[in-house]
Amino acid sequence: PIILVLVFIWLIVKTLVSLYEVVHGIVYLFVII
């Protein structure tokens, strides 16, 4: 059960980091421009 909770939290964090990577790349491109 502890591992399942940690895996669920890890999936949420991984999804948020992946979304933030995409948004950060696009926004930072505009910041440089």
Full PDB file with SEQRES, HELIX, SHEET, SSBOND, CRYST1, ORIGX, SCALE, CONECT and MASTER records, all heavy atoms in Angstrom:
SEQRES   1 A   33  PRO ILE ILE LEU VAL LEU VAL PHE ILE TRP LEU ILE VAL          
SEQRES   2 A   33  LYS THR LEU VAL SER LEU TYR GLU VAL VAL HIS GLY ILE          
SEQRES   3 A   33  VAL TYR LEU PHE VAL ILE ILE                                  
HELIX    1 AA1 ILE A    2  ILE A   32  1                                  31    
CRYST1    1.000    1.000    1.000  90.00  90.00  90.00 P 1           1          
ORIGX1      1.000000  0.000000  0.000000        0.00000                         
ORIGX2      0.000000  1.000000  0.000000        0.00000                         
ORIGX3      0.000000  0.000000  1.000000        0.00000                         
SCALE1      1.000000  0.000000  0.000000        0.00000                         
SCALE2      0.000000  1.000000  0.000000        0.00000                         
SCALE3      0.000000  0.000000  1.000000        0.00000                         
ATOM      1  N   PRO A   1       0.806  -1.237   0.000  1.00  0.00           N  
ATOM      2  CA  PRO A   1       0.000   0.000   0.000  1.00  0.00           C  
ATOM      3  C   PRO A   1       0.833   1.279   0.000  1.00  0.00           C  
ATOM      4  O   PRO A   1       0.489   2.263  -0.666  1.00  0.00           O  
ATOM      5  CB  PRO A   1      -0.820  -0.106   1.284  1.00  0.00           C  
ATOM      6  CG  PRO A   1      -0.841  -1.534   1.624  1.00  0.00           C  
ATOM      7  CD  PRO A   1       0.429  -2.116   1.104  1.00  0.00           C  
ATOM      8  N   ILE A   2       1.954   1.247   0.716  1.00  0.00           N  
ATOM      9  CA  ILE A   2       2.837   2.420   0.735  1.00  0.00           C  
ATOM     10  C   ILE A   2       3.413   2.657  -0.652  1.00  0.00           C  
ATOM     11  O   ILE A   2       3.470   3.799  -1.136  1.00  0.00           O  
ATOM     12  CB  ILE A   2       3.960   2.230   1.772  1.00  0.00           C  
ATOM     13  CG1 ILE A   2       3.355   2.135   3.169  1.00  0.00           C  
ATOM     14  CG2 ILE A   2       4.971   3.362   1.697  1.00  0.00           C  
ATOM     15  CD1 ILE A   2       4.340   1.713   4.226  1.00  0.00           C  
ATOM     16  N   ILE A   3       3.812   1.600  -1.299  1.00  0.00           N  
ATOM     17  CA  ILE A   3       4.380   1.716  -2.642  1.00  0.00           C  
ATOM     18  C   ILE A   3       3.331   2.214  -3.629  1.00  0.00           C  
ATOM     19  O   ILE A   3       3.619   3.056  -4.480  1.00  0.00           O  
ATOM     20  CB  ILE A   3       4.989   0.377  -3.086  1.00  0.00           C  
ATOM     21  CG1 ILE A   3       6.235   0.101  -2.261  1.00  0.00           C  
ATOM     22  CG2 ILE A   3       5.329   0.386  -4.568  1.00  0.00           C  
ATOM     23  CD1 ILE A   3       6.878  -1.221  -2.524  1.00  0.00           C  
ATOM     24  N   LEU A   4       2.114   1.725  -3.510  1.00  0.00           N  
ATOM     25  CA  LEU A   4       1.052   2.188  -4.415  1.00  0.00           C  
ATOM     26  C   LEU A   4       0.767   3.669  -4.245  1.00  0.00           C  
ATOM     27  O   LEU A   4       0.579   4.392  -5.233  1.00  0.00           O  
ATOM     28  CB  LEU A   4      -0.222   1.362  -4.203  1.00  0.00           C  
ATOM     29  CG  LEU A   4      -0.170  -0.083  -4.692  1.00  0.00           C  
ATOM     30  CD1 LEU A   4      -1.447  -0.814  -4.328  1.00  0.00           C  
ATOM     31  CD2 LEU A   4       0.090  -0.142  -6.172  1.00  0.00           C  
ATOM     32  N   VAL A   5       0.760   4.154  -3.005  1.00  0.00           N  
ATOM     33  CA  VAL A   5       0.560   5.591  -2.776  1.00  0.00           C  
ATOM     34  C   VAL A   5       1.718   6.385  -3.358  1.00  0.00           C  
ATOM     35  O   VAL A   5       1.521   7.420  -4.015  1.00  0.00           O  
ATOM     36  CB  VAL A   5       0.385   5.874  -1.266  1.00  0.00           C  
ATOM     37  CG1 VAL A   5       0.443   7.357  -0.977  1.00  0.00           C  
ATOM     38  CG2 VAL A   5      -0.925   5.291  -0.765  1.00  0.00           C  
ATOM     39  N   LEU A   6       2.941   5.904  -3.130  1.00  0.00           N  
ATOM     40  CA  LEU A   6       4.107   6.612  -3.679  1.00  0.00           C  
ATOM     41  C   LEU A   6       4.118   6.595  -5.200  1.00  0.00           C  
ATOM     42  O   LEU A   6       4.504   7.586  -5.834  1.00  0.00           O  
ATOM     43  CB  LEU A   6       5.397   5.998  -3.130  1.00  0.00           C  
ATOM     44  CG  LEU A   6       5.732   6.329  -1.680  1.00  0.00           C  
ATOM     45  CD1 LEU A   6       6.959   5.555  -1.237  1.00  0.00           C  
ATOM     46  CD2 LEU A   6       5.924   7.812  -1.484  1.00  0.00           C  
ATOM     47  N   VAL A   7       3.695   5.501  -5.809  1.00  0.00           N  
ATOM     48  CA  VAL A   7       3.631   5.433  -7.272  1.00  0.00           C  
ATOM     49  C   VAL A   7       2.594   6.413  -7.794  1.00  0.00           C  
ATOM     50  O   VAL A   7       2.820   7.100  -8.794  1.00  0.00           O  
ATOM     51  CB  VAL A   7       3.335   3.988  -7.745  1.00  0.00           C  
ATOM     52  CG1 VAL A   7       2.910   3.958  -9.196  1.00  0.00           C  
ATOM     53  CG2 VAL A   7       4.546   3.119  -7.538  1.00  0.00           C  
ATOM     54  N   PHE A   8       1.457   6.527  -7.106  1.00  0.00           N  
ATOM     55  CA  PHE A   8       0.430   7.486  -7.509  1.00  0.00           C  
ATOM     56  C   PHE A   8       0.957   8.918  -7.420  1.00  0.00           C  
ATOM     57  O   PHE A   8       0.772   9.722  -8.346  1.00  0.00           O  
ATOM     58  CB  PHE A   8      -0.816   7.319  -6.638  1.00  0.00           C  
ATOM     59  CG  PHE A   8      -1.944   8.216  -7.015  1.00  0.00           C  
ATOM     60  CD1 PHE A   8      -2.651   8.011  -8.189  1.00  0.00           C  
ATOM     61  CD2 PHE A   8      -2.299   9.280  -6.204  1.00  0.00           C  
ATOM     62  CE1 PHE A   8      -3.691   8.842  -8.548  1.00  0.00           C  
ATOM     63  CE2 PHE A   8      -3.333  10.109  -6.546  1.00  0.00           C  
ATOM     64  CZ  PHE A   8      -4.035   9.891  -7.720  1.00  0.00           C  
ATOM     65  N   ILE A   9       1.640   9.248  -6.328  1.00  0.00           N  
ATOM     66  CA  ILE A   9       2.233  10.588  -6.181  1.00  0.00           C  
ATOM     67  C   ILE A   9       3.296  10.809  -7.248  1.00  0.00           C  
ATOM     68  O   ILE A   9       3.384  11.897  -7.838  1.00  0.00           O  
ATOM     69  CB  ILE A   9       2.813  10.755  -4.761  1.00  0.00           C  
ATOM     70  CG1 ILE A   9       1.688  10.769  -3.734  1.00  0.00           C  
ATOM     71  CG2 ILE A   9       3.634  12.033  -4.656  1.00  0.00           C  
ATOM     72  CD1 ILE A   9       2.167  10.710  -2.299  1.00  0.00           C  
ATOM     73  N   TRP A  10       4.107   9.776  -7.526  1.00  0.00           N  
ATOM     74  CA  TRP A  10       5.153   9.899  -8.546  1.00  0.00           C  
ATOM     75  C   TRP A  10       4.551  10.164  -9.923  1.00  0.00           C  
ATOM     76  O   TRP A  10       5.071  10.982 -10.689  1.00  0.00           O  
ATOM     77  CB  TRP A  10       5.987   8.623  -8.557  1.00  0.00           C  
ATOM     78  CG  TRP A  10       7.010   8.588  -9.634  1.00  0.00           C  
ATOM     79  CD1 TRP A  10       8.171   9.305  -9.689  1.00  0.00           C  
ATOM     80  CD2 TRP A  10       6.963   7.813 -10.826  1.00  0.00           C  
ATOM     81  NE1 TRP A  10       8.841   9.002 -10.848  1.00  0.00           N  
ATOM     82  CE2 TRP A  10       8.124   8.090 -11.560  1.00  0.00           C  
ATOM     83  CE3 TRP A  10       6.056   6.897 -11.338  1.00  0.00           C  
ATOM     84  CZ2 TRP A  10       8.400   7.501 -12.774  1.00  0.00           C  
ATOM     85  CZ3 TRP A  10       6.329   6.299 -12.543  1.00  0.00           C  
ATOM     86  CH2 TRP A  10       7.485   6.598 -13.246  1.00  0.00           C  
ATOM     87  N   LEU A  11       3.442   9.492 -10.248  1.00  0.00           N  
ATOM     88  CA  LEU A  11       2.791   9.725 -11.535  1.00  0.00           C  
ATOM     89  C   LEU A  11       2.260  11.153 -11.648  1.00  0.00           C  
ATOM     90  O   LEU A  11       2.359  11.784 -12.704  1.00  0.00           O  
ATOM     91  CB  LEU A  11       1.659   8.722 -11.757  1.00  0.00           C  
ATOM     92  CG  LEU A  11       2.096   7.305 -12.106  1.00  0.00           C  
ATOM     93  CD1 LEU A  11       0.896   6.376 -12.131  1.00  0.00           C  
ATOM     94  CD2 LEU A  11       2.825   7.276 -13.423  1.00  0.00           C  
ATOM     95  N   ILE A  12       1.697  11.669 -10.562  1.00  0.00           N  
ATOM     96  CA  ILE A  12       1.212  13.048 -10.572  1.00  0.00           C  
ATOM     97  C   ILE A  12       2.374  14.013 -10.769  1.00  0.00           C  
ATOM     98  O   ILE A  12       2.300  14.941 -11.591  1.00  0.00           O  
ATOM     99  CB  ILE A  12       0.440  13.359  -9.276  1.00  0.00           C  
ATOM    100  CG1 ILE A  12      -0.874  12.586  -9.252  1.00  0.00           C  
ATOM    101  CG2 ILE A  12       0.173  14.854  -9.136  1.00  0.00           C  
ATOM    102  CD1 ILE A  12      -1.616  12.674  -7.944  1.00  0.00           C  
ATOM    103  N   VAL A  13       3.459  13.811 -10.026  1.00  0.00           N  
ATOM    104  CA  VAL A  13       4.628  14.688 -10.151  1.00  0.00           C  
ATOM    105  C   VAL A  13       5.224  14.592 -11.552  1.00  0.00           C  
ATOM    106  O   VAL A  13       5.588  15.607 -12.160  1.00  0.00           O  
ATOM    107  CB  VAL A  13       5.679  14.345  -9.070  1.00  0.00           C  
ATOM    108  CG1 VAL A  13       6.996  15.042  -9.335  1.00  0.00           C  
ATOM    109  CG2 VAL A  13       5.163  14.700  -7.697  1.00  0.00           C  
ATOM    110  N   LYS A  14       5.322  13.385 -12.094  1.00  0.00           N  
ATOM    111  CA  LYS A  14       5.880  13.199 -13.438  1.00  0.00           C  
ATOM    112  C   LYS A  14       5.025  13.912 -14.482  1.00  0.00           C  
ATOM    113  O   LYS A  14       5.556  14.554 -15.398  1.00  0.00           O  
ATOM    114  CB  LYS A  14       5.983  11.711 -13.757  1.00  0.00           C  
ATOM    115  CG  LYS A  14       6.675  11.420 -15.053  1.00  0.00           C  
ATOM    116  CD  LYS A  14       7.035   9.961 -15.130  1.00  0.00           C  
ATOM    117  CE  LYS A  14       7.843   9.648 -16.351  1.00  0.00           C  
ATOM    118  NZ  LYS A  14       9.138  10.285 -16.397  1.00  0.00           N  
ATOM    119  N   THR A  15       3.697  13.834 -14.345  1.00  0.00           N  
ATOM    120  CA  THR A  15       2.805  14.521 -15.279  1.00  0.00           C  
ATOM    121  C   THR A  15       2.966  16.030 -15.180  1.00  0.00           C  
ATOM    122  O   THR A  15       3.059  16.721 -16.205  1.00  0.00           O  
ATOM    123  CB  THR A  15       1.347  14.124 -15.003  1.00  0.00           C  
ATOM    124  OG1 THR A  15       1.227  12.708 -15.083  1.00  0.00           O  
ATOM    125  CG2 THR A  15       0.404  14.778 -15.984  1.00  0.00           C  
ATOM    126  N   LEU A  16       3.004  16.546 -13.957  1.00  0.00           N  
ATOM    127  CA  LEU A  16       3.163  17.993 -13.779  1.00  0.00           C  
ATOM    128  C   LEU A  16       4.504  18.493 -14.307  1.00  0.00           C  
ATOM    129  O   LEU A  16       4.576  19.555 -14.948  1.00  0.00           O  
ATOM    130  CB  LEU A  16       2.999  18.362 -12.306  1.00  0.00           C  
ATOM    131  CG  LEU A  16       1.590  18.248 -11.742  1.00  0.00           C  
ATOM    132  CD1 LEU A  16       1.601  18.519 -10.239  1.00  0.00           C  
ATOM    133  CD2 LEU A  16       0.652  19.203 -12.449  1.00  0.00           C  
ATOM    134  N   VAL A  17       5.560  17.737 -14.066  1.00  0.00           N  
ATOM    135  CA  VAL A  17       6.883  18.141 -14.558  1.00  0.00           C  
ATOM    136  C   VAL A  17       6.916  18.107 -16.081  1.00  0.00           C  
ATOM    137  O   VAL A  17       7.474  19.012 -16.717  1.00  0.00           O  
ATOM    138  CB  VAL A  17       7.989  17.260 -13.937  1.00  0.00           C  
ATOM    139  CG1 VAL A  17       9.313  17.455 -14.648  1.00  0.00           C  
ATOM    140  CG2 VAL A  17       8.148  17.572 -12.469  1.00  0.00           C  
ATOM    141  N   SER A  18       6.304  17.107 -16.684  1.00  0.00           N  
ATOM    142  CA  SER A  18       6.282  17.030 -18.151  1.00  0.00           C  
ATOM    143  C   SER A  18       5.508  18.197 -18.753  1.00  0.00           C  
ATOM    144  O   SER A  18       5.946  18.794 -19.745  1.00  0.00           O  
ATOM    145  CB  SER A  18       5.653  15.711 -18.598  1.00  0.00           C  
ATOM    146  OG  SER A  18       6.438  14.637 -18.184  1.00  0.00           O  
ATOM    147  N   LEU A  19       4.369  18.527 -18.164  1.00  0.00           N  
ATOM    148  CA  LEU A  19       3.607  19.683 -18.648  1.00  0.00           C  
ATOM    149  C   LEU A  19       4.393  20.978 -18.469  1.00  0.00           C  
ATOM    150  O   LEU A  19       4.413  21.838 -19.350  1.00  0.00           O  
ATOM    151  CB  LEU A  19       2.271  19.785 -17.914  1.00  0.00           C  
ATOM    152  CG  LEU A  19       1.216  18.767 -18.299  1.00  0.00           C  
ATOM    153  CD1 LEU A  19       0.028  18.863 -17.367  1.00  0.00           C  
ATOM    154  CD2 LEU A  19       0.774  18.969 -19.729  1.00  0.00           C  
ATOM    155  N   TYR A  20       5.047  21.110 -17.314  1.00  0.00           N  
ATOM    156  CA  TYR A  20       5.828  22.318 -17.056  1.00  0.00           C  
ATOM    157  C   TYR A  20       7.014  22.428 -18.007  1.00  0.00           C  
ATOM    158  O   TYR A  20       7.387  23.539 -18.403  1.00  0.00           O  
ATOM    159  CB  TYR A  20       6.307  22.331 -15.600  1.00  0.00           C  
ATOM    160  CG  TYR A  20       6.948  23.626 -15.189  1.00  0.00           C  
ATOM    161  CD1 TYR A  20       6.186  24.763 -14.991  1.00  0.00           C  
ATOM    162  CD2 TYR A  20       8.321  23.717 -15.021  1.00  0.00           C  
ATOM    163  CE1 TYR A  20       6.769  25.950 -14.623  1.00  0.00           C  
ATOM    164  CE2 TYR A  20       8.915  24.902 -14.650  1.00  0.00           C  
ATOM    165  CZ  TYR A  20       8.137  26.018 -14.453  1.00  0.00           C  
ATOM    166  OH  TYR A  20       8.726  27.197 -14.092  1.00  0.00           O  
ATOM    167  N   GLU A  21       7.611  21.290 -18.386  1.00  0.00           N  
ATOM    168  CA  GLU A  21       8.719  21.322 -19.347  1.00  0.00           C  
ATOM    169  C   GLU A  21       8.273  21.903 -20.681  1.00  0.00           C  
ATOM    170  O   GLU A  21       8.964  22.743 -21.258  1.00  0.00           O  
ATOM    171  CB  GLU A  21       9.266  19.914 -19.573  1.00  0.00           C  
ATOM    172  CG  GLU A  21      10.083  19.363 -18.455  1.00  0.00           C  
ATOM    173  CD  GLU A  21      10.477  17.920 -18.676  1.00  0.00           C  
ATOM    174  OE1 GLU A  21      10.034  17.314 -19.681  1.00  0.00           O  
ATOM    175  OE2 GLU A  21      11.226  17.392 -17.850  1.00  0.00           O  
ATOM    176  N   VAL A  22       7.125  21.459 -21.163  1.00  0.00           N  
ATOM    177  CA  VAL A  22       6.619  21.941 -22.454  1.00  0.00           C  
ATOM    178  C   VAL A  22       6.301  23.432 -22.374  1.00  0.00           C  
ATOM    179  O   VAL A  22       6.709  24.221 -23.228  1.00  0.00           O  
ATOM    180  CB  VAL A  22       5.383  21.127 -22.891  1.00  0.00           C  
ATOM    181  CG1 VAL A  22       4.734  21.739 -24.107  1.00  0.00           C  
ATOM    182  CG2 VAL A  22       5.765  19.690 -23.154  1.00  0.00           C  
ATOM    183  N   VAL A  23       5.569  23.809 -21.331  1.00  0.00           N  
ATOM    184  CA  VAL A  23       5.189  25.218 -21.178  1.00  0.00           C  
ATOM    185  C   VAL A  23       6.426  26.086 -20.970  1.00  0.00           C  
ATOM    186  O   VAL A  23       6.516  27.186 -21.535  1.00  0.00           O  
ATOM    187  CB  VAL A  23       4.189  25.379 -20.010  1.00  0.00           C  
ATOM    188  CG1 VAL A  23       3.941  26.829 -19.700  1.00  0.00           C  
ATOM    189  CG2 VAL A  23       2.887  24.673 -20.336  1.00  0.00           C  
ATOM    190  N   HIS A  24       7.366  25.599 -20.184  1.00  0.00           N  
ATOM    191  CA  HIS A  24       8.589  26.376 -19.944  1.00  0.00           C  
ATOM    192  C   HIS A  24       9.351  26.601 -21.241  1.00  0.00           C  
ATOM    193  O   HIS A  24       9.854  27.706 -21.494  1.00  0.00           O  
ATOM    194  CB  HIS A  24       9.479  25.646 -18.939  1.00  0.00           C  
ATOM    195  CG  HIS A  24      10.742  26.373 -18.620  1.00  0.00           C  
ATOM    196  ND1 HIS A  24      11.909  26.123 -19.281  1.00  0.00           N  
ATOM    197  CD2 HIS A  24      11.023  27.348 -17.736  1.00  0.00           C  
ATOM    198  CE1 HIS A  24      12.857  26.901 -18.815  1.00  0.00           C  
ATOM    199  NE2 HIS A  24      12.349  27.657 -17.866  1.00  0.00           N  
ATOM    200  N   GLY A  25       9.435  25.576 -22.083  1.00  0.00           N  
ATOM    201  CA  GLY A  25      10.142  25.727 -23.355  1.00  0.00           C  
ATOM    202  C   GLY A  25       9.495  26.754 -24.255  1.00  0.00           C  
ATOM    203  O   GLY A  25      10.168  27.610 -24.840  1.00  0.00           O  
ATOM    204  N   ILE A  26       8.170  26.723 -24.360  1.00  0.00           N  
ATOM    205  CA  ILE A  26       7.462  27.670 -25.222  1.00  0.00           C  
ATOM    206  C   ILE A  26       7.548  29.089 -24.665  1.00  0.00           C  
ATOM    207  O   ILE A  26       7.863  30.034 -25.396  1.00  0.00           O  
ATOM    208  CB  ILE A  26       5.989  27.236 -25.388  1.00  0.00           C  
ATOM    209  CG1 ILE A  26       5.927  25.923 -26.172  1.00  0.00           C  
ATOM    210  CG2 ILE A  26       5.173  28.315 -26.092  1.00  0.00           C  
ATOM    211  CD1 ILE A  26       4.562  25.287 -26.165  1.00  0.00           C  
ATOM    212  N   VAL A  27       7.298  29.229 -23.376  1.00  0.00           N  
ATOM    213  CA  VAL A  27       7.327  30.567 -22.764  1.00  0.00           C  
ATOM    214  C   VAL A  27       8.730  31.136 -22.792  1.00  0.00           C  
ATOM    215  O   VAL A  27       8.919  32.332 -23.071  1.00  0.00           O  
ATOM    216  CB  VAL A  27       6.763  30.515 -21.328  1.00  0.00           C  
ATOM    217  CG1 VAL A  27       7.009  31.812 -20.592  1.00  0.00           C  
ATOM    218  CG2 VAL A  27       5.275  30.211 -21.357  1.00  0.00           C  
ATOM    219  N   TYR A  28       9.727  30.317 -22.508  1.00  0.00           N  
ATOM    220  CA  TYR A  28      11.088  30.829 -22.505  1.00  0.00           C  
ATOM    221  C   TYR A  28      11.543  31.235 -23.901  1.00  0.00           C  
ATOM    222  O   TYR A  28      12.339  32.169 -24.046  1.00  0.00           O  
ATOM    223  CB  TYR A  28      12.050  29.813 -21.893  1.00  0.00           C  
ATOM    224  CG  TYR A  28      13.276  30.450 -21.324  1.00  0.00           C  
ATOM    225  CD1 TYR A  28      13.190  31.329 -20.259  1.00  0.00           C  
ATOM    226  CD2 TYR A  28      14.521  30.216 -21.872  1.00  0.00           C  
ATOM    227  CE1 TYR A  28      14.313  31.947 -19.744  1.00  0.00           C  
ATOM    228  CE2 TYR A  28      15.646  30.820 -21.370  1.00  0.00           C  
ATOM    229  CZ  TYR A  28      15.539  31.683 -20.306  1.00  0.00           C  
ATOM    230  OH  TYR A  28      16.645  32.292 -19.813  1.00  0.00           O  
ATOM    231  N   LEU A  29      11.031  30.584 -24.935  1.00  0.00           N  
ATOM    232  CA  LEU A  29      11.311  31.006 -26.302  1.00  0.00           C  
ATOM    233  C   LEU A  29      10.796  32.429 -26.528  1.00  0.00           C  
ATOM    234  O   LEU A  29      11.503  33.284 -27.074  1.00  0.00           O  
ATOM    235  CB  LEU A  29      10.678  30.043 -27.300  1.00  0.00           C  
ATOM    236  CG  LEU A  29      10.774  30.427 -28.777  1.00  0.00           C  
ATOM    237  CD1 LEU A  29      12.224  30.325 -29.235  1.00  0.00           C  
ATOM    238  CD2 LEU A  29       9.875  29.552 -29.607  1.00  0.00           C  
ATOM    239  N   PHE A  30       9.557  32.696 -26.079  1.00  0.00           N  
ATOM    240  CA  PHE A  30       9.011  34.043 -26.211  1.00  0.00           C  
ATOM    241  C   PHE A  30       9.763  35.057 -25.350  1.00  0.00           C  
ATOM    242  O   PHE A  30       9.935  36.205 -25.750  1.00  0.00           O  
ATOM    243  CB  PHE A  30       7.525  34.063 -25.865  1.00  0.00           C  
ATOM    244  CG  PHE A  30       6.660  33.453 -26.928  1.00  0.00           C  
ATOM    245  CD1 PHE A  30       5.874  32.348 -26.653  1.00  0.00           C  
ATOM    246  CD2 PHE A  30       6.642  33.975 -28.213  1.00  0.00           C  
ATOM    247  CE1 PHE A  30       5.083  31.778 -27.629  1.00  0.00           C  
ATOM    248  CE2 PHE A  30       5.858  33.415 -29.200  1.00  0.00           C  
ATOM    249  CZ  PHE A  30       5.077  32.310 -28.906  1.00  0.00           C  
ATOM    250  N   VAL A  31      10.216  34.641 -24.176  1.00  0.00           N  
ATOM    251  CA  VAL A  31      10.995  35.538 -23.322  1.00  0.00           C  
ATOM    252  C   VAL A  31      12.279  35.945 -24.024  1.00  0.00           C  
ATOM    253  O   VAL A  31      12.677  37.117 -24.002  1.00  0.00           O  
ATOM    254  CB  VAL A  31      11.282  34.875 -21.955  1.00  0.00           C  
ATOM    255  CG1 VAL A  31      12.368  35.617 -21.201  1.00  0.00           C  
ATOM    256  CG2 VAL A  31      10.023  34.802 -21.122  1.00  0.00           C  
ATOM    257  N   ILE A  32      12.947  35.008 -24.671  1.00  0.00           N  
ATOM    258  CA  ILE A  32      14.185  35.332 -25.390  1.00  0.00           C  
ATOM    259  C   ILE A  32      13.895  36.273 -26.559  1.00  0.00           C  
ATOM    260  O   ILE A  32      14.624  37.251 -26.778  1.00  0.00           O  
ATOM    261  CB  ILE A  32      14.887  34.038 -25.865  1.00  0.00           C  
ATOM    262  CG1 ILE A  32      15.433  33.283 -24.670  1.00  0.00           C  
ATOM    263  CG2 ILE A  32      15.994  34.345 -26.859  1.00  0.00           C  
ATOM    264  CD1 ILE A  32      15.992  31.923 -24.992  1.00  0.00           C  
ATOM    265  N   ILE A  33      12.815  35.992 -27.296  1.00  0.00           N  
ATOM    266  CA  ILE A  33      12.461  36.865 -28.422  1.00  0.00           C  
ATOM    267  C   ILE A  33      12.142  38.269 -27.936  1.00  0.00           C  
ATOM    268  O   ILE A  33      12.615  39.264 -28.501  1.00  0.00           O  
ATOM    269  CB  ILE A  33      11.289  36.260 -29.217  1.00  0.00           C  
ATOM    270  CG1 ILE A  33      11.736  35.000 -29.960  1.00  0.00           C  
ATOM    271  CG2 ILE A  33      10.711  37.279 -30.203  1.00  0.00           C  
ATOM    272  CD1 ILE A  33      10.603  34.212 -30.571  1.00  0.00           C  
TER     273      ILE A  33                                                      
MASTER        0    0    0    1    0    0    0    6  272    1    0    3          
END                                                                             
